[in-house]
Amino acid sequence: MLGRWQPWHDGHIELFKRALQKTGQVCIMYRDVAGADAGVEGQADNPFDFEDVKQNIIKGLSKHGYKEGKEYIVIKVPNVVDISYGRGVGYSFTEHDLG
């Protein structure tokens, strides 16, 4: 899962549950956008830094019985705005409609 998580909320938890159900493991990647423009119109409000976001994620998921290092990990990545890949990479991209 790749996102800003500003702030972590129930929709993110639902997305996490779907990803976990599909794969049995989740890497939650925090885009390092604290105090910066996220690169997408309407997403310039990024008040939380990585440690704040990570703690909010851990707190939110622990309420549902999930433990960091068991079902998921949280890592910081650069402000990714594009993902390019070649053929036969061994993974897929899944969009979940939570709307």
Protein backbone atom coordinates (compact mmCIF):
# COMPACT_ATOMS: atom_id res chain seq x y z
CA MET A 1 0.00 0.00 0.00
CA LEU A 2 1.45 3.34 -1.04
CA GLY A 3 0.06 6.61 0.26
CA ARG A 4 0.37 9.79 2.29
CA TRP A 5 -1.86 8.55 5.12
CA GLN A 6 -2.60 12.16 6.17
CA PRO A 7 -4.25 11.20 8.47
CA TRP A 8 -4.70 7.43 8.75
CA HIS A 9 -8.47 6.71 8.83
CA ASP A 10 -11.14 3.99 8.56
CA GLY A 11 -10.98 3.92 4.75
CA HIS A 12 -7.28 3.12 4.96
CA ILE A 13 -8.02 0.34 7.45
CA GLU A 14 -10.55 -1.19 5.05
CA LEU A 15 -8.00 -1.00 2.24
CA PHE A 16 -5.44 -2.67 4.53
CA LYS A 17 -7.87 -5.49 5.33
CA ARG A 18 -8.50 -6.14 1.64
CA ALA A 19 -4.78 -6.13 0.84
CA LEU A 20 -4.05 -8.46 3.76
CA GLN A 21 -6.82 -10.84 2.68
CA LYS A 22 -5.40 -10.96 -0.85
CA THR A 23 -1.72 -11.42 0.02
CA GLY A 24 -1.38 -12.40 3.70
CA GLN A 25 1.14 -9.61 4.24
CA VAL A 26 1.18 -5.85 3.74
CA CYS A 27 3.96 -3.32 3.31
CA ILE A 28 2.54 0.12 4.12
CA MET A 29 4.67 2.67 2.30
CA TYR A 30 4.52 6.25 3.53
CA ARG A 31 5.26 8.80 0.81
CA ASP A 32 7.62 11.33 2.37
CA VAL A 33 5.47 14.43 1.79
CA ALA A 34 5.49 16.09 5.25
CA GLY A 35 5.12 19.83 4.73
CA ALA A 36 5.38 19.45 0.94
CA ASP A 37 3.08 19.36 -2.05
CA ALA A 38 2.17 15.72 -2.68
CA GLY A 39 2.36 16.21 -6.45
CA VAL A 40 -1.41 15.87 -6.87
CA GLU A 41 -3.91 18.72 -6.97
CA GLY A 42 -5.85 18.96 -3.70
CA GLN A 43 -3.26 16.99 -1.71
CA ALA A 44 -0.95 19.76 -0.50
CA ASP A 45 -2.03 19.52 3.17
CA ASN A 46 0.52 17.14 4.70
CA PRO A 47 1.00 18.14 8.36
CA PHE A 48 2.27 14.80 9.68
CA ASP A 49 5.83 13.52 9.48
CA PHE A 50 6.80 9.86 9.17
CA GLU A 51 6.93 9.10 12.90
CA ASP A 52 3.48 10.65 13.48
CA VAL A 53 2.00 8.73 10.56
CA LYS A 54 3.66 5.46 11.61
CA GLN A 55 2.34 5.77 15.17
CA ASN A 56 -1.17 6.59 13.89
CA ILE A 57 -1.08 3.51 11.65
CA ILE A 58 0.16 1.23 14.43
CA LYS A 59 -2.44 2.60 16.85
CA GLY A 60 -5.25 2.30 14.30
CA LEU A 61 -4.40 -1.25 13.28
CA SER A 62 -3.75 -2.47 16.83
CA LYS A 63 -7.40 -1.66 17.64
CA HIS A 64 -8.28 -4.38 15.12
CA GLY A 65 -5.77 -6.89 16.49
CA TYR A 66 -3.04 -6.39 13.88
CA LYS A 67 0.61 -6.21 14.91
CA GLU A 68 3.49 -4.48 13.15
CA GLY A 69 6.09 -7.03 12.10
CA LYS A 70 3.49 -9.79 11.93
CA GLU A 71 0.81 -8.82 9.40
CA TYR A 72 2.48 -5.65 8.17
CA ILE A 73 5.47 -3.31 8.19
CA VAL A 74 5.55 0.48 7.74
CA ILE A 75 8.36 2.07 5.74
CA LYS A 76 9.13 5.55 4.42
CA VAL A 77 9.72 5.98 0.70
CA PRO A 78 10.45 9.09 -1.40
CA ASN A 79 7.54 11.13 -2.76
CA VAL A 80 6.65 8.58 -5.45
CA VAL A 81 4.52 10.14 -8.19
CA ASP A 82 4.88 7.46 -10.88
CA ILE A 83 5.50 3.72 -10.95
CA SER A 84 6.88 2.23 -14.15
CA TYR A 85 7.35 -1.47 -14.69
CA GLY A 86 8.22 -3.95 -17.41
CA ARG A 87 6.47 -7.13 -18.37
CA GLY A 88 6.49 -10.24 -16.23
CA VAL A 89 7.49 -8.48 -13.01
CA GLY A 90 5.67 -10.96 -10.74
CA TYR A 91 3.28 -8.53 -9.08
CA SER A 92 0.15 -6.58 -9.92
CA PHE A 93 -1.52 -3.30 -9.05
CA THR A 94 -5.01 -3.57 -7.54
CA GLU A 95 -7.43 -0.66 -7.19
CA HIS A 96 -10.15 -1.19 -4.58
CA ASP A 97 -13.39 0.80 -4.85
CA LEU A 98 -14.19 1.86 -1.29
CA GLY A 99 -16.74 4.40 -2.39
